[in-house]
Amino acid sequence: MASIAQEYSIFEIDRELDDLLDQIEEEIEKIGEASPELIDRFQTFCEAHGEKADRIGRFLRMMEARIQFCRSEAVRLQDRARICDRKVTQTKNMVLYYLMSRELKKIEGREFTLRIQKNSQDSVRITDESRVPMCLRKVEACCDWQLWEDVIAAVPRELKHMLISSIRETTPSNEAIKRAVQNGVPVPGAEVYRGNHLRVA
């Protein structure tokens, strides 16, 4: 049974069961009963069908657990990367402080030279983000198209062009599409349907 469940796909097992049922019906019509070999084979494939379902269920559970593990590992590794980044920044700042406090340009080891070097451009350090004026902030907003159209219709022409040129990306809004279809509005390029999902119990 295990070898059948391993070697055959669920579709092949299902097809074999259909063929066996036809053969059993045929033998019953001809001689009044099905042969014991045919019944045994049918029973074996029935058991293989159940075993195949269990194999698929175990596989799905294993893969779902693997997905969770990979996601948790991604979070853990991101946290570790942030910790390492902080340590790198702290160590560089400590060495810079050491060099500057002693008016040194560099210190040399056997493998590496640690040297003060001017940046190619100015840097910004935010000391209190809450005090930075809005006019000096970059704004990334997310809104549905109706609000966007209302804003575009209400602003002067020059500002309208500036706003339109600031668009970086647009993505279809599933909620807006569902609302439109529910209200009888056709949506080119999209369809709303009630799908199915597989539940492993």
C-alpha atoms as a PDB file:
ATOM      1  CA  MET A   1       0.000   0.000   0.000  1.00  0.00           C
ATOM      2  CA  ALA A   2       2.789   2.383   0.969  1.00  0.00           C
ATOM      3  CA  SER A   3       4.576   1.732  -2.341  1.00  0.00           C
ATOM      4  CA  ILE A   4       1.393   2.450  -4.337  1.00  0.00           C
ATOM      5  CA  ALA A   5       0.833   5.685  -2.396  1.00  0.00           C
ATOM      6  CA  GLN A   6       4.459   6.601  -3.001  1.00  0.00           C
ATOM      7  CA  GLU A   7       4.687   5.719  -6.691  1.00  0.00           C
ATOM      8  CA  TYR A   8       1.257   6.857  -7.899  1.00  0.00           C
ATOM      9  CA  SER A   9      -0.192  10.366  -7.880  1.00  0.00           C
ATOM     10  CA  ILE A  10      -3.613  10.898  -6.330  1.00  0.00           C
ATOM     11  CA  PHE A  11      -5.006  11.345  -9.856  1.00  0.00           C
ATOM     12  CA  GLU A  12      -3.528   8.003 -10.978  1.00  0.00           C
ATOM     13  CA  ILE A  13      -4.909   6.224  -7.907  1.00  0.00           C
ATOM     14  CA  ASP A  14      -8.308   7.783  -8.543  1.00  0.00           C
ATOM     15  CA  ARG A  15      -8.224   6.724 -12.192  1.00  0.00           C
ATOM     16  CA  GLU A  16      -7.240   3.173 -11.209  1.00  0.00           C
ATOM     17  CA  LEU A  17     -10.126   3.016  -8.726  1.00  0.00           C
ATOM     18  CA  ASP A  18     -12.536   4.095 -11.493  1.00  0.00           C
ATOM     19  CA  ASP A  19     -11.161   1.377 -13.807  1.00  0.00           C
ATOM     20  CA  LEU A  20     -11.405  -1.240 -11.059  1.00  0.00           C
ATOM     21  CA  LEU A  21     -15.004  -0.275 -10.327  1.00  0.00           C
ATOM     22  CA  ASP A  22     -15.853  -0.689 -14.014  1.00  0.00           C
ATOM     23  CA  GLN A  23     -14.168  -4.110 -14.074  1.00  0.00           C
ATOM     24  CA  ILE A  24     -15.962  -5.207 -10.900  1.00  0.00           C
ATOM     25  CA  GLU A  25     -19.341  -4.142 -12.345  1.00  0.00           C
ATOM     26  CA  GLU A  26     -18.527  -5.932 -15.579  1.00  0.00           C
ATOM     27  CA  GLU A  27     -17.637  -9.204 -13.803  1.00  0.00           C
ATOM     28  CA  ILE A  28     -20.765  -9.032 -11.617  1.00  0.00           C
ATOM     29  CA  GLU A  29     -22.895  -8.619 -14.758  1.00  0.00           C
ATOM     30  CA  LYS A  30     -21.158 -11.528 -16.531  1.00  0.00           C
ATOM     31  CA  ILE A  31     -20.584 -14.132 -13.794  1.00  0.00           C
ATOM     32  CA  GLY A  32     -22.575 -12.774 -10.826  1.00  0.00           C
ATOM     33  CA  GLU A  33     -19.572 -11.786  -8.667  1.00  0.00           C
ATOM     34  CA  ALA A  34     -16.192 -10.109  -8.863  1.00  0.00           C
ATOM     35  CA  SER A  35     -13.008 -12.133  -8.582  1.00  0.00           C
ATOM     36  CA  PRO A  36     -11.205 -12.075  -5.209  1.00  0.00           C
ATOM     37  CA  GLU A  37      -8.068 -10.687  -6.958  1.00  0.00           C
ATOM     38  CA  LEU A  38     -10.049  -7.747  -8.319  1.00  0.00           C
ATOM     39  CA  ILE A  39     -11.649  -7.056  -4.917  1.00  0.00           C
ATOM     40  CA  ASP A  40      -8.233  -7.256  -3.219  1.00  0.00           C
ATOM     41  CA  ARG A  41      -6.724  -4.837  -5.749  1.00  0.00           C
ATOM     42  CA  PHE A  42      -9.664  -2.456  -5.333  1.00  0.00           C
ATOM     43  CA  GLN A  43      -9.281  -2.564  -1.525  1.00  0.00           C
ATOM     44  CA  THR A  44      -5.511  -2.016  -1.809  1.00  0.00           C
ATOM     45  CA  PHE A  45      -6.036   1.091  -3.958  1.00  0.00           C
ATOM     46  CA  CYS A  46      -8.738   2.364  -1.566  1.00  0.00           C
ATOM     47  CA  GLU A  47      -6.229   2.120   1.289  1.00  0.00           C
ATOM     48  CA  ALA A  48      -3.546   3.736  -0.918  1.00  0.00           C
ATOM     49  CA  HIS A  49      -5.980   6.596  -1.625  1.00  0.00           C
ATOM     50  CA  GLY A  50      -6.287   7.254   2.134  1.00  0.00           C
ATOM     51  CA  GLU A  51      -2.518   6.908   2.608  1.00  0.00           C
ATOM     52  CA  LYS A  52      -1.928   9.372  -0.252  1.00  0.00           C
ATOM     53  CA  ALA A  53      -4.254  11.898   1.411  1.00  0.00           C
ATOM     54  CA  ASP A  54      -2.302  11.474   4.665  1.00  0.00           C
ATOM     55  CA  ARG A  55       1.008  11.919   2.828  1.00  0.00           C
ATOM     56  CA  ILE A  56      -0.247  15.131   1.216  1.00  0.00           C
ATOM     57  CA  GLY A  57      -1.561  16.365   4.578  1.00  0.00           C
ATOM     58  CA  ARG A  58       1.777  15.637   6.293  1.00  0.00           C
ATOM     59  CA  PHE A  59       3.670  17.355   3.461  1.00  0.00           C
ATOM     60  CA  LEU A  60       1.477  20.487   3.686  1.00  0.00           C
ATOM     61  CA  ARG A  61       1.833  20.642   7.475  1.00  0.00           C
ATOM     62  CA  MET A  62       5.611  20.248   7.187  1.00  0.00           C
ATOM     63  CA  MET A  63       5.862  22.984   4.543  1.00  0.00           C
ATOM     64  CA  GLU A  64       3.617  25.343   6.555  1.00  0.00           C
ATOM     65  CA  ALA A  65       5.870  24.789   9.582  1.00  0.00           C
ATOM     66  CA  ARG A  66       8.895  25.478   7.363  1.00  0.00           C
ATOM     67  CA  ILE A  67       7.312  28.716   6.119  1.00  0.00           C
ATOM     68  CA  GLN A  68       6.730  29.841   9.719  1.00  0.00           C
ATOM     69  CA  PHE A  69      10.295  28.914  10.633  1.00  0.00           C
ATOM     70  CA  CYS A  70      11.727  30.809   7.633  1.00  0.00           C
ATOM     71  CA  ARG A  71       9.641  33.887   8.468  1.00  0.00           C
ATOM     72  CA  SER A  72      10.711  33.797  12.117  1.00  0.00           C
ATOM     73  CA  GLU A  73      14.323  33.306  11.008  1.00  0.00           C
ATOM     74  CA  ALA A  74      14.011  36.296   8.657  1.00  0.00           C
ATOM     75  CA  VAL A  75      12.813  38.451  11.569  1.00  0.00           C
ATOM     76  CA  ARG A  76      15.573  37.086  13.820  1.00  0.00           C
ATOM     77  CA  LEU A  77      18.248  37.711  11.178  1.00  0.00           C
ATOM     78  CA  GLN A  78      16.943  41.232  10.541  1.00  0.00           C
ATOM     79  CA  ASP A  79      17.179  41.900  14.285  1.00  0.00           C
ATOM     80  CA  ARG A  80      20.718  40.526  14.303  1.00  0.00           C
ATOM     81  CA  ALA A  81      21.599  42.666  11.271  1.00  0.00           C
ATOM     82  CA  ARG A  82      20.302  45.770  13.082  1.00  0.00           C
ATOM     83  CA  ILE A  83      22.349  44.860  16.182  1.00  0.00           C
ATOM     84  CA  CYS A  84      25.462  44.318  14.034  1.00  0.00           C
ATOM     85  CA  ASP A  85      24.839  47.608  12.228  1.00  0.00           C
ATOM     86  CA  ARG A  86      24.624  49.440  15.565  1.00  0.00           C
ATOM     87  CA  LYS A  87      27.846  47.782  16.742  1.00  0.00           C
ATOM     88  CA  VAL A  88      29.628  48.778  13.517  1.00  0.00           C
ATOM     89  CA  THR A  89      28.423  52.381  13.869  1.00  0.00           C
ATOM     90  CA  GLN A  90      29.396  52.516  17.561  1.00  0.00           C
ATOM     91  CA  THR A  91      32.841  51.053  16.872  1.00  0.00           C
ATOM     92  CA  LYS A  92      33.493  53.470  13.985  1.00  0.00           C
ATOM     93  CA  ASN A  93      32.388  56.411  16.137  1.00  0.00           C
ATOM     94  CA  MET A  94      34.638  55.253  18.974  1.00  0.00           C
ATOM     95  CA  VAL A  95      37.661  55.042  16.642  1.00  0.00           C
ATOM     96  CA  LEU A  96      36.830  58.447  15.127  1.00  0.00           C
ATOM     97  CA  TYR A  97      36.592  59.930  18.624  1.00  0.00           C
ATOM     98  CA  TYR A  98      39.924  58.326  19.541  1.00  0.00           C
ATOM     99  CA  LEU A  99      41.669  59.701  16.422  1.00  0.00           C
ATOM    100  CA  MET A 100      40.158  63.181  16.683  1.00  0.00           C
ATOM    101  CA  SER A 101      40.775  63.509  20.410  1.00  0.00           C
ATOM    102  CA  ARG A 102      44.465  62.750  19.827  1.00  0.00           C
ATOM    103  CA  GLU A 103      44.668  64.759  16.592  1.00  0.00           C
ATOM    104  CA  LEU A 104      45.720  61.685  14.658  1.00  0.00           C
ATOM    105  CA  LYS A 105      44.988  61.106  10.968  1.00  0.00           C
ATOM    106  CA  LYS A 106      45.278  57.334  11.104  1.00  0.00           C
ATOM    107  CA  ILE A 107      46.369  54.287  13.040  1.00  0.00           C
ATOM    108  CA  GLU A 108      47.937  51.299  11.318  1.00  0.00           C
ATOM    109  CA  GLY A 109      47.779  47.601  12.116  1.00  0.00           C
ATOM    110  CA  ARG A 110      49.355  44.659  10.337  1.00  0.00           C
ATOM    111  CA  GLU A 111      46.277  44.121   8.129  1.00  0.00           C
ATOM    112  CA  PHE A 112      44.242  47.320   8.263  1.00  0.00           C
ATOM    113  CA  THR A 113      44.710  51.058   8.384  1.00  0.00           C
ATOM    114  CA  LEU A 114      42.021  53.092  10.184  1.00  0.00           C
ATOM    115  CA  ARG A 115      42.008  56.615   8.819  1.00  0.00           C
ATOM    116  CA  ILE A 116      39.904  59.755   9.135  1.00  0.00           C
ATOM    117  CA  GLN A 117      38.519  60.784   5.775  1.00  0.00           C
ATOM    118  CA  LYS A 118      36.208  63.629   4.827  1.00  0.00           C
ATOM    119  CA  ASN A 119      32.842  62.567   3.433  1.00  0.00           C
ATOM    120  CA  SER A 120      32.167  63.448  -0.187  1.00  0.00           C
ATOM    121  CA  GLN A 121      28.933  65.210   0.854  1.00  0.00           C
ATOM    122  CA  ASP A 122      27.276  66.632   3.944  1.00  0.00           C
ATOM    123  CA  SER A 123      25.388  64.335   6.291  1.00  0.00           C
ATOM    124  CA  VAL A 124      22.285  64.984   8.363  1.00  0.00           C
ATOM    125  CA  ARG A 125      21.864  63.793  11.927  1.00  0.00           C
ATOM    126  CA  ILE A 126      18.297  63.928  13.291  1.00  0.00           C
ATOM    127  CA  THR A 127      18.513  64.885  16.964  1.00  0.00           C
ATOM    128  CA  ASP A 128      14.758  65.236  17.599  1.00  0.00           C
ATOM    129  CA  GLU A 129      12.515  64.075  14.764  1.00  0.00           C
ATOM    130  CA  SER A 130       9.362  65.561  16.306  1.00  0.00           C
ATOM    131  CA  ARG A 131      10.803  69.097  15.951  1.00  0.00           C
ATOM    132  CA  VAL A 132      11.673  68.865  12.243  1.00  0.00           C
ATOM    133  CA  PRO A 133       9.165  71.108  10.364  1.00  0.00           C
ATOM    134  CA  MET A 134       6.716  69.479   7.935  1.00  0.00           C
ATOM    135  CA  CYS A 135       8.049  71.614   5.085  1.00  0.00           C
ATOM    136  CA  LEU A 136      11.389  69.794   5.489  1.00  0.00           C
ATOM    137  CA  ARG A 137       9.897  66.306   5.464  1.00  0.00           C
ATOM    138  CA  LYS A 138       9.302  63.868   2.645  1.00  0.00           C
ATOM    139  CA  VAL A 139       5.693  62.661   2.655  1.00  0.00           C
ATOM    140  CA  GLU A 140       4.615  59.278   1.353  1.00  0.00           C
ATOM    141  CA  ALA A 141       0.828  58.983   1.388  1.00  0.00           C
ATOM    142  CA  CYS A 142      -1.566  56.210   0.454  1.00  0.00           C
ATOM    143  CA  CYS A 143      -5.137  56.938  -0.638  1.00  0.00           C
ATOM    144  CA  ASP A 144      -7.837  55.464  -2.841  1.00  0.00           C
ATOM    145  CA  TRP A 145      -8.427  56.853  -6.344  1.00  0.00           C
ATOM    146  CA  GLN A 146     -11.611  58.736  -5.455  1.00  0.00           C
ATOM    147  CA  LEU A 147      -9.780  60.853  -2.871  1.00  0.00           C
ATOM    148  CA  TRP A 148      -6.924  61.352  -5.349  1.00  0.00           C
ATOM    149  CA  GLU A 149      -9.331  62.533  -8.056  1.00  0.00           C
ATOM    150  CA  ASP A 150     -11.027  64.920  -5.611  1.00  0.00           C
ATOM    151  CA  VAL A 151      -7.650  66.427  -4.652  1.00  0.00           C
ATOM    152  CA  ILE A 152      -6.496  66.693  -8.297  1.00  0.00           C
ATOM    153  CA  ALA A 153      -9.778  68.363  -9.290  1.00  0.00           C
ATOM    154  CA  ALA A 154      -9.494  70.892  -6.444  1.00  0.00           C
ATOM    155  CA  VAL A 155      -5.912  72.119  -6.944  1.00  0.00           C
ATOM    156  CA  PRO A 156      -4.555  74.636  -9.506  1.00  0.00           C
ATOM    157  CA  ARG A 157      -3.210  73.347 -12.826  1.00  0.00           C
ATOM    158  CA  GLU A 158       0.501  73.739 -11.990  1.00  0.00           C
ATOM    159  CA  LEU A 159       0.095  71.949  -8.669  1.00  0.00           C
ATOM    160  CA  LYS A 160      -1.922  69.255 -10.402  1.00  0.00           C
ATOM    161  CA  HIS A 161       1.009  68.486 -12.752  1.00  0.00           C
ATOM    162  CA  MET A 162       3.417  68.428  -9.814  1.00  0.00           C
ATOM    163  CA  LEU A 163       1.220  65.988  -7.911  1.00  0.00           C
ATOM    164  CA  ILE A 164       0.758  63.711 -10.915  1.00  0.00           C
ATOM    165  CA  SER A 165       4.501  63.681 -11.612  1.00  0.00           C
ATOM    166  CA  SER A 166       5.143  62.693  -7.982  1.00  0.00           C
ATOM    167  CA  ILE A 167       3.332  59.368  -8.426  1.00  0.00           C
ATOM    168  CA  ARG A 168       5.821  56.561  -7.913  1.00  0.00           C
ATOM    169  CA  GLU A 169       3.600  53.530  -8.094  1.00  0.00           C
ATOM    170  CA  THR A 170      -0.052  52.570  -8.315  1.00  0.00           C
ATOM    171  CA  THR A 171      -1.525  49.192  -7.453  1.00  0.00           C
ATOM    172  CA  PRO A 172      -5.076  47.917  -7.894  1.00  0.00           C
ATOM    173  CA  SER A 173      -7.182  48.239  -4.740  1.00  0.00           C
ATOM    174  CA  ASN A 174      -8.973  44.946  -4.150  1.00  0.00           C
ATOM    175  CA  GLU A 175     -11.469  46.583  -1.785  1.00  0.00           C
ATOM    176  CA  ALA A 176     -12.345  49.318  -4.305  1.00  0.00           C
ATOM    177  CA  ILE A 177     -12.740  46.727  -7.083  1.00  0.00           C
ATOM    178  CA  LYS A 178     -15.042  44.589  -4.920  1.00  0.00           C
ATOM    179  CA  ARG A 179     -17.152  47.655  -4.023  1.00  0.00           C
ATOM    180  CA  ALA A 180     -17.436  48.640  -7.704  1.00  0.00           C
ATOM    181  CA  VAL A 181     -18.565  45.163  -8.771  1.00  0.00           C
ATOM    182  CA  GLN A 182     -21.051  44.970  -5.879  1.00  0.00           C
ATOM    183  CA  ASN A 183     -22.507  48.269  -7.143  1.00  0.00           C
ATOM    184  CA  GLY A 184     -22.857  46.850 -10.663  1.00  0.00           C
ATOM    185  CA  VAL A 185     -19.907  48.772 -12.151  1.00  0.00           C
ATOM    186  CA  PRO A 186     -17.852  46.677 -14.627  1.00  0.00           C
ATOM    187  CA  VAL A 187     -14.104  46.680 -13.933  1.00  0.00           C
ATOM    188  CA  PRO A 188     -11.894  46.099 -17.024  1.00  0.00           C
ATOM    189  CA  GLY A 189      -8.862  43.956 -16.285  1.00  0.00           C
ATOM    190  CA  ALA A 190     -10.235  42.486 -13.052  1.00  0.00           C
ATOM    191  CA  GLU A 191     -12.840  40.025 -11.877  1.00  0.00           C
ATOM    192  CA  VAL A 192     -14.382  39.303  -8.490  1.00  0.00           C
ATOM    193  CA  TYR A 193     -14.958  35.661  -7.600  1.00  0.00           C
ATOM    194  CA  ARG A 194     -15.437  33.486  -4.533  1.00  0.00           C
ATOM    195  CA  GLY A 195     -12.480  31.126  -4.485  1.00  0.00           C
ATOM    196  CA  ASN A 196     -11.721  27.939  -2.558  1.00  0.00           C
ATOM    197  CA  HIS A 197      -8.895  26.996  -0.262  1.00  0.00           C
ATOM    198  CA  LEU A 198      -7.623  23.664   1.015  1.00  0.00           C
ATOM    199  CA  ARG A 199      -8.096  23.047   4.734  1.00  0.00           C
ATOM    200  CA  VAL A 200      -5.899  20.392   6.337  1.00  0.00           C
ATOM    201  CA  ALA A 201      -7.675  18.983   9.411  1.00  0.00           C
END
